[in-house]
Amino acid sequence: MKRGDRVVWINKDIFPHTATAETRAFDSRSIAASASWSYEPGKAGTFPYGCTFHPTMHGALTVR
């Protein structure tokens, strides 16, 4: 993805989740079941993130 693109997290689970960058570059707060949250990164880089409610859920957002 490129700077300025929009990324959307969609929660298709029955439990709430977050998309929270380790560096706090972004934080969705709680995304309710059947809800979504979007973010437009302004900086290039790789941003590891996870769910603050479920520590085993994690990923990385790579922005060019």
PDB file of N, CA and C in Angstrom:
ATOM      1  N   MET A   1       0.831  -1.167   0.000  1.00  0.00           N
ATOM      2  CA  MET A   1       0.000   0.000   0.000  1.00  0.00           C
ATOM      3  C   MET A   1       0.878   1.232   0.000  1.00  0.00           C
ATOM      4  N   LYS A   2       0.319   2.339  -0.452  1.00  0.00           N
ATOM      5  CA  LYS A   2       1.063   3.602  -0.514  1.00  0.00           C
ATOM      6  C   LYS A   2       0.529   4.584   0.521  1.00  0.00           C
ATOM      7  N   ARG A   3       1.366   5.562   0.857  1.00  0.00           N
ATOM      8  CA  ARG A   3       0.911   6.620   1.761  1.00  0.00           C
ATOM      9  C   ARG A   3      -0.363   7.242   1.200  1.00  0.00           C
ATOM     10  N   GLY A   4      -1.323   7.476   2.053  1.00  0.00           N
ATOM     11  CA  GLY A   4      -2.583   8.086   1.635  1.00  0.00           C
ATOM     12  C   GLY A   4      -3.648   7.089   1.222  1.00  0.00           C
ATOM     13  N   ASP A   5      -3.258   5.822   0.953  1.00  0.00           N
ATOM     14  CA  ASP A   5      -4.266   4.797   0.677  1.00  0.00           C
ATOM     15  C   ASP A   5      -5.052   4.529   1.955  1.00  0.00           C
ATOM     16  N   ARG A   6      -6.239   4.043   1.792  1.00  0.00           N
ATOM     17  CA  ARG A   6      -7.069   3.714   2.951  1.00  0.00           C
ATOM     18  C   ARG A   6      -7.061   2.208   3.164  1.00  0.00           C
ATOM     19  N   VAL A   7      -6.767   1.795   4.394  1.00  0.00           N
ATOM     20  CA  VAL A   7      -6.859   0.386   4.780  1.00  0.00           C
ATOM     21  C   VAL A   7      -8.054   0.255   5.718  1.00  0.00           C
ATOM     22  N   VAL A   8      -8.819  -0.821   5.556  1.00  0.00           N
ATOM     23  CA  VAL A   8     -10.023  -1.020   6.349  1.00  0.00           C
ATOM     24  C   VAL A   8      -9.934  -2.361   7.073  1.00  0.00           C
ATOM     25  N   TRP A   9     -10.131  -2.331   8.371  1.00  0.00           N
ATOM     26  CA  TRP A   9     -10.243  -3.551   9.167  1.00  0.00           C
ATOM     27  C   TRP A   9     -11.731  -3.804   9.375  1.00  0.00           C
ATOM     28  N   ILE A  10     -12.193  -5.012   9.065  1.00  0.00           N
ATOM     29  CA  ILE A  10     -13.597  -5.385   9.222  1.00  0.00           C
ATOM     30  C   ILE A  10     -13.658  -6.517  10.241  1.00  0.00           C
ATOM     31  N   ASN A  11     -14.408  -6.318  11.293  1.00  0.00           N
ATOM     32  CA  ASN A  11     -14.528  -7.332  12.336  1.00  0.00           C
ATOM     33  C   ASN A  11     -15.698  -8.250  12.013  1.00  0.00           C
ATOM     34  N   LYS A  12     -15.385  -9.452  11.549  1.00  0.00           N
ATOM     35  CA  LYS A  12     -16.417 -10.430  11.234  1.00  0.00           C
ATOM     36  C   LYS A  12     -16.571 -11.461  12.351  1.00  0.00           C
ATOM     37  N   ASP A  13     -16.036 -11.146  13.507  1.00  0.00           N
ATOM     38  CA  ASP A  13     -16.100 -12.026  14.671  1.00  0.00           C
ATOM     39  C   ASP A  13     -17.261 -11.594  15.565  1.00  0.00           C
ATOM     40  N   ILE A  14     -17.580 -12.397  16.572  1.00  0.00           N
ATOM     41  CA  ILE A  14     -18.639 -12.028  17.520  1.00  0.00           C
ATOM     42  C   ILE A  14     -18.079 -11.245  18.709  1.00  0.00           C
ATOM     43  N   PHE A  15     -16.751 -11.145  18.783  1.00  0.00           N
ATOM     44  CA  PHE A  15     -16.084 -10.432  19.865  1.00  0.00           C
ATOM     45  C   PHE A  15     -15.446  -9.149  19.337  1.00  0.00           C
ATOM     46  N   PRO A  16     -15.312  -8.115  20.168  1.00  0.00           N
ATOM     47  CA  PRO A  16     -14.622  -6.894  19.730  1.00  0.00           C
ATOM     48  C   PRO A  16     -13.118  -7.135  19.593  1.00  0.00           C
ATOM     49  N   HIS A  17     -12.484  -6.346  18.742  1.00  0.00           N
ATOM     50  CA  HIS A  17     -11.043  -6.419  18.513  1.00  0.00           C
ATOM     51  C   HIS A  17     -10.508  -5.003  18.332  1.00  0.00           C
ATOM     52  N   THR A  18      -9.182  -4.876  18.364  1.00  0.00           N
ATOM     53  CA  THR A  18      -8.543  -3.602  18.049  1.00  0.00           C
ATOM     54  C   THR A  18      -7.477  -3.834  16.989  1.00  0.00           C
ATOM     55  N   ALA A  19      -7.085  -2.767  16.335  1.00  0.00           N
ATOM     56  CA  ALA A  19      -5.908  -2.740  15.465  1.00  0.00           C
ATOM     57  C   ALA A  19      -5.025  -1.639  16.047  1.00  0.00           C
ATOM     58  N   THR A  20      -4.052  -2.050  16.849  1.00  0.00           N
ATOM     59  CA  THR A  20      -3.239  -1.105  17.607  1.00  0.00           C
ATOM     60  C   THR A  20      -1.769  -1.289  17.255  1.00  0.00           C
ATOM     61  N   ALA A  21      -1.168  -0.268  16.657  1.00  0.00           N
ATOM     62  CA  ALA A  21       0.247  -0.335  16.281  1.00  0.00           C
ATOM     63  C   ALA A  21       1.113  -0.379  17.533  1.00  0.00           C
ATOM     64  N   GLU A  22       2.184  -1.172  17.473  1.00  0.00           N
ATOM     65  CA  GLU A  22       3.106  -1.254  18.606  1.00  0.00           C
ATOM     66  C   GLU A  22       3.665   0.108  18.977  1.00  0.00           C
ATOM     67  N   THR A  23       3.874   0.963  17.979  1.00  0.00           N
ATOM     68  CA  THR A  23       4.417   2.308  18.214  1.00  0.00           C
ATOM     69  C   THR A  23       3.321   3.326  18.507  1.00  0.00           C
ATOM     70  N   ARG A  24       2.072   2.867  18.512  1.00  0.00           N
ATOM     71  CA  ARG A  24       0.898   3.728  18.691  1.00  0.00           C
ATOM     72  C   ARG A  24       0.719   4.702  17.522  1.00  0.00           C
ATOM     73  N   ALA A  25       1.282   4.366  16.366  1.00  0.00           N
ATOM     74  CA  ALA A  25       1.087   5.187  15.164  1.00  0.00           C
ATOM     75  C   ALA A  25      -0.393   5.226  14.786  1.00  0.00           C
ATOM     76  N   PHE A  26      -1.110   4.158  15.105  1.00  0.00           N
ATOM     77  CA  PHE A  26      -2.557   4.128  14.928  1.00  0.00           C
ATOM     78  C   PHE A  26      -3.157   3.232  16.004  1.00  0.00           C
ATOM     79  N   ASP A  27      -4.413   3.500  16.336  1.00  0.00           N
ATOM     80  CA  ASP A  27      -5.137   2.700  17.319  1.00  0.00           C
ATOM     81  C   ASP A  27      -6.627   2.825  17.030  1.00  0.00           C
ATOM     82  N   SER A  28      -7.214   1.725  16.658  1.00  0.00           N
ATOM     83  CA  SER A  28      -8.635   1.728  16.307  1.00  0.00           C
ATOM     84  C   SER A  28      -9.550   1.827  17.517  1.00  0.00           C
ATOM     85  N   ARG A  29      -9.009   1.556  18.694  1.00  0.00           N
ATOM     86  CA  ARG A  29      -9.825   1.322  19.881  1.00  0.00           C
ATOM     87  C   ARG A  29     -10.687   0.103  19.607  1.00  0.00           C
ATOM     88  N   SER A  30     -11.757  -0.077  20.288  1.00  0.00           N
ATOM     89  CA  SER A  30     -12.562  -1.294  20.139  1.00  0.00           C
ATOM     90  C   SER A  30     -13.378  -1.254  18.842  1.00  0.00           C
ATOM     91  N   ILE A  31     -13.210  -2.289  18.028  1.00  0.00           N
ATOM     92  CA  ILE A  31     -14.032  -2.454  16.824  1.00  0.00           C
ATOM     93  C   ILE A  31     -15.076  -3.513  17.173  1.00  0.00           C
ATOM     94  N   ALA A  32     -16.317  -3.113  17.253  1.00  0.00           N
ATOM     95  CA  ALA A  32     -17.395  -4.020  17.646  1.00  0.00           C
ATOM     96  C   ALA A  32     -17.624  -5.093  16.584  1.00  0.00           C
ATOM     97  N   ALA A  33     -18.300  -6.144  16.983  1.00  0.00           N
ATOM     98  CA  ALA A  33     -18.684  -7.198  16.033  1.00  0.00           C
ATOM     99  C   ALA A  33     -19.477  -6.578  14.888  1.00  0.00           C
ATOM    100  N   SER A  34     -19.182  -7.007  13.679  1.00  0.00           N
ATOM    101  CA  SER A  34     -19.842  -6.532  12.449  1.00  0.00           C
ATOM    102  C   SER A  34     -19.577  -5.065  12.145  1.00  0.00           C
ATOM    103  N   ALA A  35     -18.559  -4.483  12.753  1.00  0.00           N
ATOM    104  CA  ALA A  35     -18.205  -3.085  12.488  1.00  0.00           C
ATOM    105  C   ALA A  35     -16.850  -3.037  11.776  1.00  0.00           C
ATOM    106  N   SER A  36     -16.452  -1.827  11.370  1.00  0.00           N
ATOM    107  CA  SER A  36     -15.170  -1.660  10.685  1.00  0.00           C
ATOM    108  C   SER A  36     -14.503  -0.372  11.157  1.00  0.00           C
ATOM    109  N   TRP A  37     -13.226  -0.273  10.807  1.00  0.00           N
ATOM    110  CA  TRP A  37     -12.448   0.930  11.123  1.00  0.00           C
ATOM    111  C   TRP A  37     -11.455   1.120   9.987  1.00  0.00           C
ATOM    112  N   SER A  38     -11.231   2.363   9.573  1.00  0.00           N
ATOM    113  CA  SER A  38     -10.286   2.620   8.486  1.00  0.00           C
ATOM    114  C   SER A  38      -9.209   3.596   8.930  1.00  0.00           C
ATOM    115  N   TYR A  39      -8.092   3.543   8.208  1.00  0.00           N
ATOM    116  CA  TYR A  39      -6.924   4.360   8.527  1.00  0.00           C
ATOM    117  C   TYR A  39      -6.211   4.712   7.231  1.00  0.00           C
ATOM    118  N   GLU A  40      -5.736   5.945   7.138  1.00  0.00           N
ATOM    119  CA  GLU A  40      -4.951   6.397   5.985  1.00  0.00           C
ATOM    120  C   GLU A  40      -3.556   6.761   6.480  1.00  0.00           C
ATOM    121  N   PRO A  41      -2.572   5.892   6.250  1.00  0.00           N
ATOM    122  CA  PRO A  41      -1.218   6.168   6.752  1.00  0.00           C
ATOM    123  C   PRO A  41      -0.567   7.336   6.024  1.00  0.00           C
ATOM    124  N   GLY A  42       0.105   8.171   6.791  1.00  0.00           N
ATOM    125  CA  GLY A  42       0.790   9.319   6.225  1.00  0.00           C
ATOM    126  C   GLY A  42       2.287   9.125   6.088  1.00  0.00           C
ATOM    127  N   LYS A  43       2.820   8.061   6.686  1.00  0.00           N
ATOM    128  CA  LYS A  43       4.257   7.801   6.651  1.00  0.00           C
ATOM    129  C   LYS A  43       4.531   6.426   6.065  1.00  0.00           C
ATOM    130  N   ALA A  44       5.663   6.302   5.374  1.00  0.00           N
ATOM    131  CA  ALA A  44       6.099   4.999   4.872  1.00  0.00           C
ATOM    132  C   ALA A  44       6.750   4.226   6.012  1.00  0.00           C
ATOM    133  N   GLY A  45       6.713   2.916   5.907  1.00  0.00           N
ATOM    134  CA  GLY A  45       7.354   2.063   6.902  1.00  0.00           C
ATOM    135  C   GLY A  45       6.548   0.806   7.125  1.00  0.00           C
ATOM    136  N   THR A  46       7.045  -0.025   8.017  1.00  0.00           N
ATOM    137  CA  THR A  46       6.335  -1.232   8.425  1.00  0.00           C
ATOM    138  C   THR A  46       5.892  -1.038   9.862  1.00  0.00           C
ATOM    139  N   PHE A  47       4.625  -1.243  10.096  1.00  0.00           N
ATOM    140  CA  PHE A  47       4.021  -0.983  11.391  1.00  0.00           C
ATOM    141  C   PHE A  47       3.408  -2.263  11.961  1.00  0.00           C
ATOM    142  N   PRO A  48       4.132  -2.963  12.831  1.00  0.00           N
ATOM    143  CA  PRO A  48       3.547  -4.130  13.492  1.00  0.00           C
ATOM    144  C   PRO A  48       2.363  -3.681  14.349  1.00  0.00           C
ATOM    145  N   TYR A  49       1.307  -4.490  14.360  1.00  0.00           N
ATOM    146  CA  TYR A  49       0.132  -4.144  15.154  1.00  0.00           C
ATOM    147  C   TYR A  49      -0.482  -5.407  15.733  1.00  0.00           C
ATOM    148  N   GLY A  50      -1.361  -5.217  16.680  1.00  0.00           N
ATOM    149  CA  GLY A  50      -2.050  -6.353  17.282  1.00  0.00           C
ATOM    150  C   GLY A  50      -3.369  -5.922  17.874  1.00  0.00           C
ATOM    151  N   CYS A  51      -4.057  -6.900  18.435  1.00  0.00           N
ATOM    152  CA  CYS A  51      -5.311  -6.672  19.136  1.00  0.00           C
ATOM    153  C   CYS A  51      -4.996  -6.593  20.623  1.00  0.00           C
ATOM    154  N   THR A  52      -5.354  -5.499  21.257  1.00  0.00           N
ATOM    155  CA  THR A  52      -5.050  -5.354  22.680  1.00  0.00           C
ATOM    156  C   THR A  52      -5.868  -6.314  23.537  1.00  0.00           C
ATOM    157  N   PHE A  53      -6.993  -6.799  23.026  1.00  0.00           N
ATOM    158  CA  PHE A  53      -7.818  -7.756  23.766  1.00  0.00           C
ATOM    159  C   PHE A  53      -7.311  -9.193  23.616  1.00  0.00           C
ATOM    160  N   HIS A  54      -6.648  -9.469  22.501  1.00  0.00           N
ATOM    161  CA  HIS A  54      -6.228 -10.837  22.177  1.00  0.00           C
ATOM    162  C   HIS A  54      -4.769 -10.813  21.700  1.00  0.00           C
ATOM    163  N   PRO A  55      -3.803 -10.962  22.605  1.00  0.00           N
ATOM    164  CA  PRO A  55      -2.380 -10.792  22.289  1.00  0.00           C
ATOM    165  C   PRO A  55      -1.822 -11.738  21.226  1.00  0.00           C
ATOM    166  N   THR A  56      -2.512 -12.841  20.946  1.00  0.00           N
ATOM    167  CA  THR A  56      -2.007 -13.749  19.909  1.00  0.00           C
ATOM    168  C   THR A  56      -2.399 -13.299  18.505  1.00  0.00           C
ATOM    169  N   MET A  57      -3.239 -12.285  18.404  1.00  0.00           N
ATOM    170  CA  MET A  57      -3.651 -11.767  17.090  1.00  0.00           C
ATOM    171  C   MET A  57      -2.761 -10.588  16.734  1.00  0.00           C
ATOM    172  N   HIS A  58      -2.020 -10.725  15.655  1.00  0.00           N
ATOM    173  CA  HIS A  58      -1.106  -9.659  15.258  1.00  0.00           C
ATOM    174  C   HIS A  58      -0.832  -9.707  13.763  1.00  0.00           C
ATOM    175  N   GLY A  59      -0.286  -8.629  13.257  1.00  0.00           N
ATOM    176  CA  GLY A  59       0.049  -8.517  11.840  1.00  0.00           C
ATOM    177  C   GLY A  59       0.989  -7.338  11.652  1.00  0.00           C
ATOM    178  N   ALA A  60       1.185  -6.958  10.409  1.00  0.00           N
ATOM    179  CA  ALA A  60       2.023  -5.796  10.099  1.00  0.00           C
ATOM    180  C   ALA A  60       1.430  -5.074   8.896  1.00  0.00           C
ATOM    181  N   LEU A  61       1.425  -3.767   8.973  1.00  0.00           N
ATOM    182  CA  LEU A  61       0.977  -2.916   7.872  1.00  0.00           C
ATOM    183  C   LEU A  61       2.239  -2.335   7.233  1.00  0.00           C
ATOM    184  N   THR A  62       2.436  -2.616   5.938  1.00  0.00           N
ATOM    185  CA  THR A  62       3.597  -2.099   5.216  1.00  0.00           C
ATOM    186  C   THR A  62       3.140  -1.021   4.258  1.00  0.00           C
ATOM    187  N   VAL A  63       3.743   0.147   4.416  1.00  0.00           N
ATOM    188  CA  VAL A  63       3.372   1.323   3.626  1.00  0.00           C
ATOM    189  C   VAL A  63       4.595   1.775   2.845  1.00  0.00           C
ATOM    190  N   ARG A  64       4.436   1.956   1.535  1.00  0.00           N
ATOM    191  CA  ARG A  64       5.534   2.428   0.685  1.00  0.00           C
ATOM    192  C   ARG A  64       5.494   3.923   0.537  1.00  0.00           C
TER     193      ARG A  64
END
